Amino acid sequence: MSRLRALYGASPGHLVALAVGGLVSAYAVTRVPDLSTLVSIALWFGFMLIAHDLLLYPVYAAADGVAARVQHRARPRVPWTNYVRVPTVLSGLLLLAWFPLVLRLSSGYGRASGRSDDGYLGRWLAVTAVLFAVSGLLYLVRVVTTRRRSGAPGPATDPGS
């Protein structure tokens, strides 16, 4: 096992997961009805890789850097950046996966599925709001439990106010 880890650079479980993912992807390609659809999927995938690396990554890396600097300067007792990062990433991934329907850019969706693309924007906004609300509640719980554990006075009993 240690020889495989040294040769491969990761655990055998990682290699198995990678192989299973490759097999699932190969199976999915066999389900594509024709070559033109497969070419369209490949072009879309390639475009999204380039768009992510050249456009999206610099934007969210810069935004994350700003948030980290703000948090570092404020020095809160309970760090908040992950409570913003997680719902932002999840919401962004949902938008990335469904943006043609959310932004009503998919002209063939109605014909292909027999369904309307109405409501996707509202649903995405609702899911985003729920993600941020849950994250905010979890942060509030963490702040309260940290305050109780440390014995720090709350805002109402603060003698300096």
C-alpha atoms as a PDB file:
ATOM      1  CA  MET A   1       0.000   0.000   0.000  1.00  0.00           C
ATOM      2  CA  SER A   2       2.739   2.455   0.896  1.00  0.00           C
ATOM      3  CA  ARG A   3       4.420   1.741  -2.445  1.00  0.00           C
ATOM      4  CA  LEU A   4       1.157   2.480  -4.291  1.00  0.00           C
ATOM      5  CA  ARG A   5       0.737   5.689  -2.300  1.00  0.00           C
ATOM      6  CA  ALA A   6       4.298   6.740  -3.106  1.00  0.00           C
ATOM      7  CA  LEU A   7       3.846   5.907  -6.800  1.00  0.00           C
ATOM      8  CA  TYR A   8       0.341   7.354  -7.211  1.00  0.00           C
ATOM      9  CA  GLY A   9       0.631  10.227  -4.748  1.00  0.00           C
ATOM     10  CA  ALA A  10      -2.700   9.671  -3.000  1.00  0.00           C
ATOM     11  CA  SER A  11      -4.602   6.958  -1.182  1.00  0.00           C
ATOM     12  CA  PRO A  12      -5.980   3.886  -2.966  1.00  0.00           C
ATOM     13  CA  GLY A  13      -9.483   5.153  -2.107  1.00  0.00           C
ATOM     14  CA  HIS A  14      -8.795   8.266  -4.174  1.00  0.00           C
ATOM     15  CA  LEU A  15      -7.752   6.096  -7.126  1.00  0.00           C
ATOM     16  CA  VAL A  16     -10.910   3.982  -6.800  1.00  0.00           C
ATOM     17  CA  ALA A  17     -13.123   7.091  -6.602  1.00  0.00           C
ATOM     18  CA  LEU A  18     -11.413   8.530  -9.676  1.00  0.00           C
ATOM     19  CA  ALA A  19     -11.892   5.280 -11.605  1.00  0.00           C
ATOM     20  CA  VAL A  20     -15.566   5.041 -10.617  1.00  0.00           C
ATOM     21  CA  GLY A  21     -16.107   8.663 -11.670  1.00  0.00           C
ATOM     22  CA  GLY A  22     -14.474   7.916 -15.011  1.00  0.00           C
ATOM     23  CA  LEU A  23     -16.697   4.875 -15.532  1.00  0.00           C
ATOM     24  CA  VAL A  24     -19.836   6.866 -14.709  1.00  0.00           C
ATOM     25  CA  SER A  25     -18.733   9.582 -17.132  1.00  0.00           C
ATOM     26  CA  ALA A  26     -18.033   7.007 -19.861  1.00  0.00           C
ATOM     27  CA  TYR A  27     -21.476   5.502 -19.323  1.00  0.00           C
ATOM     28  CA  ALA A  28     -23.086   8.946 -19.544  1.00  0.00           C
ATOM     29  CA  VAL A  29     -21.356   9.560 -22.879  1.00  0.00           C
ATOM     30  CA  THR A  30     -22.847   6.338 -24.255  1.00  0.00           C
ATOM     31  CA  ARG A  31     -26.332   7.677 -23.440  1.00  0.00           C
ATOM     32  CA  VAL A  32     -25.897  10.726 -25.708  1.00  0.00           C
ATOM     33  CA  PRO A  33     -28.264  10.225 -28.679  1.00  0.00           C
ATOM     34  CA  ASP A  34     -26.077  11.544 -31.512  1.00  0.00           C
ATOM     35  CA  LEU A  35     -22.664  12.957 -32.343  1.00  0.00           C
ATOM     36  CA  SER A  36     -23.843  16.563 -32.727  1.00  0.00           C
ATOM     37  CA  THR A  37     -25.219  16.515 -29.172  1.00  0.00           C
ATOM     38  CA  LEU A  38     -21.956  15.063 -27.912  1.00  0.00           C
ATOM     39  CA  VAL A  39     -20.006  17.810 -29.694  1.00  0.00           C
ATOM     40  CA  SER A  40     -22.304  20.441 -28.174  1.00  0.00           C
ATOM     41  CA  ILE A  41     -21.752  19.002 -24.692  1.00  0.00           C
ATOM     42  CA  ALA A  42     -17.972  18.933 -25.218  1.00  0.00           C
ATOM     43  CA  LEU A  43     -17.946  22.543 -26.449  1.00  0.00           C
ATOM     44  CA  TRP A  44     -20.097  23.691 -23.519  1.00  0.00           C
ATOM     45  CA  PHE A  45     -17.854  21.855 -21.056  1.00  0.00           C
ATOM     46  CA  GLY A  46     -14.708  23.345 -22.594  1.00  0.00           C
ATOM     47  CA  PHE A  47     -16.203  26.837 -22.597  1.00  0.00           C
ATOM     48  CA  MET A  48     -17.216  26.521 -18.957  1.00  0.00           C
ATOM     49  CA  LEU A  49     -13.701  25.403 -17.959  1.00  0.00           C
ATOM     50  CA  ILE A  50     -12.173  28.394 -19.711  1.00  0.00           C
ATOM     51  CA  ALA A  51     -14.816  30.774 -18.364  1.00  0.00           C
ATOM     52  CA  HIS A  52     -14.213  29.526 -14.834  1.00  0.00           C
ATOM     53  CA  ASP A  53     -10.443  29.791 -14.953  1.00  0.00           C
ATOM     54  CA  LEU A  54     -10.242  33.140 -16.732  1.00  0.00           C
ATOM     55  CA  LEU A  55     -13.316  34.940 -15.386  1.00  0.00           C
ATOM     56  CA  LEU A  56     -14.939  33.394 -12.337  1.00  0.00           C
ATOM     57  CA  TYR A  57     -11.911  32.288 -10.331  1.00  0.00           C
ATOM     58  CA  PRO A  58     -10.233  35.719 -10.251  1.00  0.00           C
ATOM     59  CA  VAL A  59     -13.532  37.338  -9.230  1.00  0.00           C
ATOM     60  CA  TYR A  60     -14.346  35.041  -6.344  1.00  0.00           C
ATOM     61  CA  ALA A  61     -10.719  34.786  -5.226  1.00  0.00           C
ATOM     62  CA  ALA A  62     -10.570  38.588  -4.984  1.00  0.00           C
ATOM     63  CA  ALA A  63     -13.910  38.738  -3.129  1.00  0.00           C
ATOM     64  CA  ASP A  64     -12.733  36.061  -0.708  1.00  0.00           C
ATOM     65  CA  GLY A  65      -9.484  37.956  -0.149  1.00  0.00           C
ATOM     66  CA  VAL A  66     -11.416  41.118   0.703  1.00  0.00           C
ATOM     67  CA  ALA A  67     -13.653  39.207   3.137  1.00  0.00           C
ATOM     68  CA  ALA A  68     -10.622  37.616   4.797  1.00  0.00           C
ATOM     69  CA  ARG A  69      -8.922  41.012   5.210  1.00  0.00           C
ATOM     70  CA  VAL A  70     -12.079  42.557   6.672  1.00  0.00           C
ATOM     71  CA  GLN A  71     -12.409  39.689   9.127  1.00  0.00           C
ATOM     72  CA  HIS A  72      -8.719  39.893  10.047  1.00  0.00           C
ATOM     73  CA  ARG A  73      -9.008  43.614  10.829  1.00  0.00           C
ATOM     74  CA  ALA A  74     -12.239  43.219  12.815  1.00  0.00           C
ATOM     75  CA  ARG A  75     -10.898  40.237  14.807  1.00  0.00           C
ATOM     76  CA  PRO A  76     -14.303  38.831  15.749  1.00  0.00           C
ATOM     77  CA  ARG A  77     -14.497  36.260  18.520  1.00  0.00           C
ATOM     78  CA  VAL A  78     -16.261  33.903  16.098  1.00  0.00           C
ATOM     79  CA  PRO A  79     -14.939  34.010  12.516  1.00  0.00           C
ATOM     80  CA  TRP A  80     -17.735  34.634  10.015  1.00  0.00           C
ATOM     81  CA  THR A  81     -16.153  34.107   6.597  1.00  0.00           C
ATOM     82  CA  ASN A  82     -17.111  30.443   6.248  1.00  0.00           C
ATOM     83  CA  TYR A  83     -20.698  31.330   7.114  1.00  0.00           C
ATOM     84  CA  VAL A  84     -20.675  33.563   4.032  1.00  0.00           C
ATOM     85  CA  ARG A  85     -18.496  31.363   1.815  1.00  0.00           C
ATOM     86  CA  VAL A  86     -20.586  28.196   2.029  1.00  0.00           C
ATOM     87  CA  PRO A  87     -23.970  29.613   1.001  1.00  0.00           C
ATOM     88  CA  THR A  88     -22.285  31.774  -1.640  1.00  0.00           C
ATOM     89  CA  VAL A  89     -20.520  28.778  -3.187  1.00  0.00           C
ATOM     90  CA  LEU A  90     -23.635  26.603  -3.070  1.00  0.00           C
ATOM     91  CA  SER A  91     -25.778  29.344  -4.590  1.00  0.00           C
ATOM     92  CA  GLY A  92     -23.145  29.993  -7.243  1.00  0.00           C
ATOM     93  CA  LEU A  93     -22.936  26.304  -8.135  1.00  0.00           C
ATOM     94  CA  LEU A  94     -26.702  26.129  -8.474  1.00  0.00           C
ATOM     95  CA  LEU A  95     -26.671  29.188 -10.697  1.00  0.00           C
ATOM     96  CA  LEU A  96     -23.822  27.764 -12.752  1.00  0.00           C
ATOM     97  CA  ALA A  97     -25.668  24.492 -13.277  1.00  0.00           C
ATOM     98  CA  TRP A  98     -29.046  26.056 -14.023  1.00  0.00           C
ATOM     99  CA  PHE A  99     -28.181  29.490 -15.449  1.00  0.00           C
ATOM    100  CA  PRO A 100     -29.814  28.886 -18.854  1.00  0.00           C
ATOM    101  CA  LEU A 101     -33.133  28.270 -17.117  1.00  0.00           C
ATOM    102  CA  VAL A 102     -32.680  30.836 -14.341  1.00  0.00           C
ATOM    103  CA  LEU A 103     -31.820  33.543 -16.866  1.00  0.00           C
ATOM    104  CA  ARG A 104     -34.300  32.218 -19.481  1.00  0.00           C
ATOM    105  CA  LEU A 105     -31.598  31.588 -22.075  1.00  0.00           C
ATOM    106  CA  SER A 106     -32.652  28.045 -22.962  1.00  0.00           C
ATOM    107  CA  SER A 107     -34.799  28.237 -26.063  1.00  0.00           C
ATOM    108  CA  GLY A 108     -35.117  24.466 -26.547  1.00  0.00           C
ATOM    109  CA  TYR A 109     -35.993  23.509 -22.989  1.00  0.00           C
ATOM    110  CA  GLY A 110     -39.746  23.783 -23.450  1.00  0.00           C
ATOM    111  CA  ARG A 111     -39.723  21.683 -26.621  1.00  0.00           C
ATOM    112  CA  ALA A 112     -37.402  19.038 -25.187  1.00  0.00           C
ATOM    113  CA  SER A 113     -39.054  18.662 -21.791  1.00  0.00           C
ATOM    114  CA  GLY A 114     -42.623  19.781 -22.354  1.00  0.00           C
ATOM    115  CA  ARG A 115     -42.247  22.103 -19.357  1.00  0.00           C
ATOM    116  CA  SER A 116     -41.914  25.830 -18.989  1.00  0.00           C
ATOM    117  CA  ASP A 117     -38.843  27.602 -17.685  1.00  0.00           C
ATOM    118  CA  ASP A 118     -41.015  29.942 -15.629  1.00  0.00           C
ATOM    119  CA  GLY A 119     -40.177  30.059 -11.965  1.00  0.00           C
ATOM    120  CA  TYR A 120     -36.517  29.040 -12.036  1.00  0.00           C
ATOM    121  CA  LEU A 121     -35.324  32.529 -11.097  1.00  0.00           C
ATOM    122  CA  GLY A 122     -37.742  32.698  -8.168  1.00  0.00           C
ATOM    123  CA  ARG A 123     -36.784  29.227  -6.991  1.00  0.00           C
ATOM    124  CA  TRP A 124     -33.072  29.967  -7.229  1.00  0.00           C
ATOM    125  CA  LEU A 125     -33.551  33.195  -5.264  1.00  0.00           C
ATOM    126  CA  ALA A 126     -35.626  31.327  -2.652  1.00  0.00           C
ATOM    127  CA  VAL A 127     -32.995  28.591  -2.271  1.00  0.00           C
ATOM    128  CA  THR A 128     -30.282  31.258  -1.994  1.00  0.00           C
ATOM    129  CA  ALA A 129     -32.268  33.089   0.697  1.00  0.00           C
ATOM    130  CA  VAL A 130     -32.766  29.841   2.650  1.00  0.00           C
ATOM    131  CA  LEU A 131     -29.054  28.988   2.379  1.00  0.00           C
ATOM    132  CA  PHE A 132     -28.053  32.383   3.769  1.00  0.00           C
ATOM    133  CA  ALA A 133     -30.762  32.288   6.450  1.00  0.00           C
ATOM    134  CA  VAL A 134     -29.663  28.847   7.681  1.00  0.00           C
ATOM    135  CA  SER A 135     -26.038  29.944   7.622  1.00  0.00           C
ATOM    136  CA  GLY A 136     -26.924  33.098   9.559  1.00  0.00           C
ATOM    137  CA  LEU A 137     -28.809  31.063  12.164  1.00  0.00           C
ATOM    138  CA  LEU A 138     -25.886  28.665  12.529  1.00  0.00           C
ATOM    139  CA  TYR A 139     -23.551  31.636  12.996  1.00  0.00           C
ATOM    140  CA  LEU A 140     -25.863  33.109  15.621  1.00  0.00           C
ATOM    141  CA  VAL A 141     -25.935  29.796  17.500  1.00  0.00           C
ATOM    142  CA  ARG A 142     -22.148  29.634  17.347  1.00  0.00           C
ATOM    143  CA  VAL A 143     -21.803  33.197  18.658  1.00  0.00           C
ATOM    144  CA  VAL A 144     -24.199  32.527  21.533  1.00  0.00           C
ATOM    145  CA  THR A 145     -22.574  29.223  22.526  1.00  0.00           C
ATOM    146  CA  THR A 146     -19.089  30.759  22.316  1.00  0.00           C
ATOM    147  CA  ARG A 147     -20.192  33.678  24.471  1.00  0.00           C
ATOM    148  CA  ARG A 148     -21.717  31.332  27.062  1.00  0.00           C
ATOM    149  CA  ARG A 149     -18.635  29.102  27.168  1.00  0.00           C
ATOM    150  CA  SER A 150     -16.266  32.006  27.605  1.00  0.00           C
ATOM    151  CA  GLY A 151     -18.451  33.650  30.218  1.00  0.00           C
ATOM    152  CA  ALA A 152     -18.402  36.947  28.355  1.00  0.00           C
ATOM    153  CA  PRO A 153     -21.290  39.223  29.154  1.00  0.00           C
ATOM    154  CA  GLY A 154     -23.934  39.737  26.524  1.00  0.00           C
ATOM    155  CA  PRO A 155     -24.872  43.114  25.090  1.00  0.00           C
ATOM    156  CA  ALA A 156     -27.633  43.694  27.699  1.00  0.00           C
ATOM    157  CA  THR A 157     -25.411  42.994  30.733  1.00  0.00           C
ATOM    158  CA  ASP A 158     -22.260  44.708  29.448  1.00  0.00           C
ATOM    159  CA  PRO A 159     -21.126  47.059  32.289  1.00  0.00           C
ATOM    160  CA  GLY A 160     -19.487  49.400  29.776  1.00  0.00           C
ATOM    161  CA  SER A 161     -22.769  50.348  28.087  1.00  0.00           C
END
